Amino acid sequence: MKLTHREVDGIMILEPRGKIMGGPDATLLHDQLHDFIKENKKKVVINLAKVDWMNSTGLGILISGLTTMKNNGGELKLANVTEKIESLLTITKLITVFENYDSLDEAIKSFS
C-alpha cells in the first residue's frame, strides 16, 4: 500500500493506493493518524477510490484508525468505497460503524 495525504478546508484526506493487508500498512496508517492528532487535525477522510483489495487485517486497520480518532476527539469517515470493500463492510456489519460517502466532496461537506 502507498499512502499519501493532503488537506482540504482543514480536513485531512488520506489516500491509500493498492492493497491494504496489514503488516507495514497498519503502522503507516497508525503513524499518520497520530501525526494528525499531534497537529490537532482531527477531521479525517480515508479516500478508498484507489484501493484494489483489502483483507480482514485491512478492515482491522480501518477500525483501529476510527477508534484512535474517536479516542482523541476526532472523526474518521470513508469516501469512494469500492464495491468489493463495501461488500466486506456489509458482511462484517461494519457498514453501520463507519460514516461512508459516495464521493470525497460529500465526505468533506459532512463535516460542516
C-alpha atoms as a PDB file:
ATOM      1  CA  MET A   1       0.000   0.000   0.000  1.00  0.00           C
ATOM      2  CA  LYS A   2       1.131   3.515  -0.735  1.00  0.00           C
ATOM      3  CA  LEU A   3      -0.290   6.311   1.395  1.00  0.00           C
ATOM      4  CA  THR A   4      -0.495   9.984   0.509  1.00  0.00           C
ATOM      5  CA  HIS A   5      -2.334  12.780   2.253  1.00  0.00           C
ATOM      6  CA  ARG A   6      -3.451  16.321   1.654  1.00  0.00           C
ATOM      7  CA  GLU A   7      -5.533  18.937   3.414  1.00  0.00           C
ATOM      8  CA  VAL A   8      -8.785  20.387   2.078  1.00  0.00           C
ATOM      9  CA  ASP A   9     -10.609  23.073   4.096  1.00  0.00           C
ATOM     10  CA  GLY A  10      -8.972  21.895   7.341  1.00  0.00           C
ATOM     11  CA  ILE A  11      -9.893  18.263   6.691  1.00  0.00           C
ATOM     12  CA  MET A  12      -7.138  15.715   6.234  1.00  0.00           C
ATOM     13  CA  ILE A  13      -7.607  13.419   3.246  1.00  0.00           C
ATOM     14  CA  LEU A  14      -5.747  10.102   3.409  1.00  0.00           C
ATOM     15  CA  GLU A  15      -5.394   8.338   0.088  1.00  0.00           C
ATOM     16  CA  PRO A  16      -4.202   4.756   0.283  1.00  0.00           C
ATOM     17  CA  ARG A  17      -3.437   3.025  -3.024  1.00  0.00           C
ATOM     18  CA  GLY A  18      -3.095  -0.667  -3.805  1.00  0.00           C
ATOM     19  CA  LYS A  19      -3.825  -3.431  -1.319  1.00  0.00           C
ATOM     20  CA  ILE A  20      -4.455  -2.952   2.414  1.00  0.00           C
ATOM     21  CA  MET A  21      -3.342  -6.156   4.086  1.00  0.00           C
ATOM     22  CA  GLY A  22      -1.743  -5.407   7.436  1.00  0.00           C
ATOM     23  CA  GLY A  23       1.883  -5.553   8.488  1.00  0.00           C
ATOM     24  CA  PRO A  24       3.649  -2.343   7.449  1.00  0.00           C
ATOM     25  CA  ASP A  25       0.316  -0.929   6.197  1.00  0.00           C
ATOM     26  CA  ALA A  26      -1.027  -0.828   9.762  1.00  0.00           C
ATOM     27  CA  THR A  27       1.998   1.080  11.029  1.00  0.00           C
ATOM     28  CA  LEU A  28       1.852   3.533   8.129  1.00  0.00           C
ATOM     29  CA  LEU A  29      -1.791   4.471   8.713  1.00  0.00           C
ATOM     30  CA  HIS A  30      -1.475   4.432  12.515  1.00  0.00           C
ATOM     31  CA  ASP A  31       1.575   6.723  12.491  1.00  0.00           C
ATOM     32  CA  GLN A  32      -0.072   9.131  10.053  1.00  0.00           C
ATOM     33  CA  LEU A  33      -3.216   9.437  12.200  1.00  0.00           C
ATOM     34  CA  HIS A  34      -1.099  10.073  15.303  1.00  0.00           C
ATOM     35  CA  ASP A  35       0.789  12.796  13.411  1.00  0.00           C
ATOM     36  CA  PHE A  36      -2.556  14.430  12.539  1.00  0.00           C
ATOM     37  CA  ILE A  37      -3.656  14.259  16.185  1.00  0.00           C
ATOM     38  CA  LYS A  38      -0.375  15.866  17.347  1.00  0.00           C
ATOM     39  CA  GLU A  39      -1.021  18.671  14.830  1.00  0.00           C
ATOM     40  CA  ASN A  40      -4.598  18.974  16.182  1.00  0.00           C
ATOM     41  CA  LYS A  41      -6.028  17.914  12.820  1.00  0.00           C
ATOM     42  CA  LYS A  42      -8.880  15.697  13.890  1.00  0.00           C
ATOM     43  CA  LYS A  43     -11.136  15.577  10.849  1.00  0.00           C
ATOM     44  CA  VAL A  44     -10.024  12.767   8.551  1.00  0.00           C
ATOM     45  CA  VAL A  45     -11.443  11.188   5.407  1.00  0.00           C
ATOM     46  CA  ILE A  46      -9.947   7.997   4.008  1.00  0.00           C
ATOM     47  CA  ASN A  47     -10.499   8.026   0.261  1.00  0.00           C
ATOM     48  CA  LEU A  48     -10.628   4.363  -0.788  1.00  0.00           C
ATOM     49  CA  ALA A  49     -11.043   5.005  -4.535  1.00  0.00           C
ATOM     50  CA  LYS A  50      -7.617   3.559  -5.395  1.00  0.00           C
ATOM     51  CA  VAL A  51      -7.643   0.581  -3.054  1.00  0.00           C
ATOM     52  CA  ASP A  52      -7.764  -2.603  -5.136  1.00  0.00           C
ATOM     53  CA  TRP A  53      -8.188  -5.066  -2.347  1.00  0.00           C
ATOM     54  CA  MET A  54      -8.487  -5.348   1.428  1.00  0.00           C
ATOM     55  CA  ASN A  55      -8.406  -8.385   3.707  1.00  0.00           C
ATOM     56  CA  SER A  56      -9.702  -8.752   7.264  1.00  0.00           C
ATOM     57  CA  THR A  57      -6.460  -7.308   8.625  1.00  0.00           C
ATOM     58  CA  GLY A  58      -7.040  -4.265   6.415  1.00  0.00           C
ATOM     59  CA  LEU A  59     -10.504  -3.884   7.949  1.00  0.00           C
ATOM     60  CA  GLY A  60      -8.888  -4.087  11.379  1.00  0.00           C
ATOM     61  CA  ILE A  61      -6.586  -1.231  10.391  1.00  0.00           C
ATOM     62  CA  LEU A  62      -9.615   0.934   9.486  1.00  0.00           C
ATOM     63  CA  ILE A  63     -11.355   0.057  12.771  1.00  0.00           C
ATOM     64  CA  SER A  64      -8.187   0.875  14.699  1.00  0.00           C
ATOM     65  CA  GLY A  65      -7.965   4.214  12.865  1.00  0.00           C
ATOM     66  CA  LEU A  66     -11.579   5.032  13.698  1.00  0.00           C
ATOM     67  CA  THR A  67     -11.005   4.165  17.368  1.00  0.00           C
ATOM     68  CA  THR A  68      -7.788   6.215  17.511  1.00  0.00           C
ATOM     69  CA  MET A  69      -9.543   9.296  16.113  1.00  0.00           C
ATOM     70  CA  LYS A  70     -12.629   8.944  18.353  1.00  0.00           C
ATOM     71  CA  ASN A  71     -10.493   8.427  21.474  1.00  0.00           C
ATOM     72  CA  ASN A  72      -8.713  11.696  20.680  1.00  0.00           C
ATOM     73  CA  GLY A  73     -11.875  13.712  19.990  1.00  0.00           C
ATOM     74  CA  GLY A  74     -11.651  13.337  16.224  1.00  0.00           C
ATOM     75  CA  GLU A  75     -13.682  11.891  13.393  1.00  0.00           C
ATOM     76  CA  LEU A  76     -12.789   9.469  10.621  1.00  0.00           C
ATOM     77  CA  LYS A  77     -15.028   8.948   7.591  1.00  0.00           C
ATOM     78  CA  LEU A  78     -14.735   6.848   4.437  1.00  0.00           C
ATOM     79  CA  ALA A  79     -15.203   8.010   0.856  1.00  0.00           C
ATOM     80  CA  ASN A  80     -15.361   6.226  -2.502  1.00  0.00           C
ATOM     81  CA  VAL A  81     -15.684   2.771  -1.002  1.00  0.00           C
ATOM     82  CA  THR A  82     -15.331   0.286  -3.850  1.00  0.00           C
ATOM     83  CA  GLU A  83     -17.922  -2.431  -4.412  1.00  0.00           C
ATOM     84  CA  LYS A  84     -15.590  -5.142  -3.080  1.00  0.00           C
ATOM     85  CA  ILE A  85     -14.806  -3.239   0.110  1.00  0.00           C
ATOM     86  CA  GLU A  86     -18.447  -2.258   0.615  1.00  0.00           C
ATOM     87  CA  SER A  87     -19.357  -5.939   0.366  1.00  0.00           C
ATOM     88  CA  LEU A  88     -16.726  -6.747   3.010  1.00  0.00           C
ATOM     89  CA  LEU A  89     -18.062  -3.973   5.274  1.00  0.00           C
ATOM     90  CA  THR A  90     -21.634  -5.234   4.802  1.00  0.00           C
ATOM     91  CA  ILE A  91     -20.806  -8.891   5.522  1.00  0.00           C
ATOM     92  CA  THR A  92     -18.965  -7.927   8.704  1.00  0.00           C
ATOM     93  CA  LYS A  93     -21.732  -5.451   9.673  1.00  0.00           C
ATOM     94  CA  LEU A  94     -19.109  -2.695   9.853  1.00  0.00           C
ATOM     95  CA  ILE A  95     -21.017  -0.677   7.255  1.00  0.00           C
ATOM     96  CA  THR A  96     -23.027   0.698  10.203  1.00  0.00           C
ATOM     97  CA  VAL A  97     -19.891   1.620  12.182  1.00  0.00           C
ATOM     98  CA  PHE A  98     -18.305   3.892   9.576  1.00  0.00           C
ATOM     99  CA  GLU A  99     -19.716   7.045   8.058  1.00  0.00           C
ATOM    100  CA  ASN A 100     -19.430   6.194   4.390  1.00  0.00           C
ATOM    101  CA  TYR A 101     -19.815   8.616   1.457  1.00  0.00           C
ATOM    102  CA  ASP A 102     -20.031   8.012  -2.289  1.00  0.00           C
ATOM    103  CA  SER A 103     -17.654  10.879  -3.077  1.00  0.00           C
ATOM    104  CA  LEU A 104     -14.847  12.810  -1.460  1.00  0.00           C
ATOM    105  CA  ASP A 105     -16.869  16.042  -1.802  1.00  0.00           C
ATOM    106  CA  GLU A 106     -19.788  14.549   0.132  1.00  0.00           C
ATOM    107  CA  ALA A 107     -17.458  13.336   2.883  1.00  0.00           C
ATOM    108  CA  ILE A 108     -15.809  16.761   3.174  1.00  0.00           C
ATOM    109  CA  LYS A 109     -19.192  18.552   3.262  1.00  0.00           C
ATOM    110  CA  SER A 110     -20.404  16.188   6.019  1.00  0.00           C
ATOM    111  CA  PHE A 111     -18.045  17.888   8.485  1.00  0.00           C
ATOM    112  CA  SER A 112     -19.764  21.285   8.215  1.00  0.00           C
END
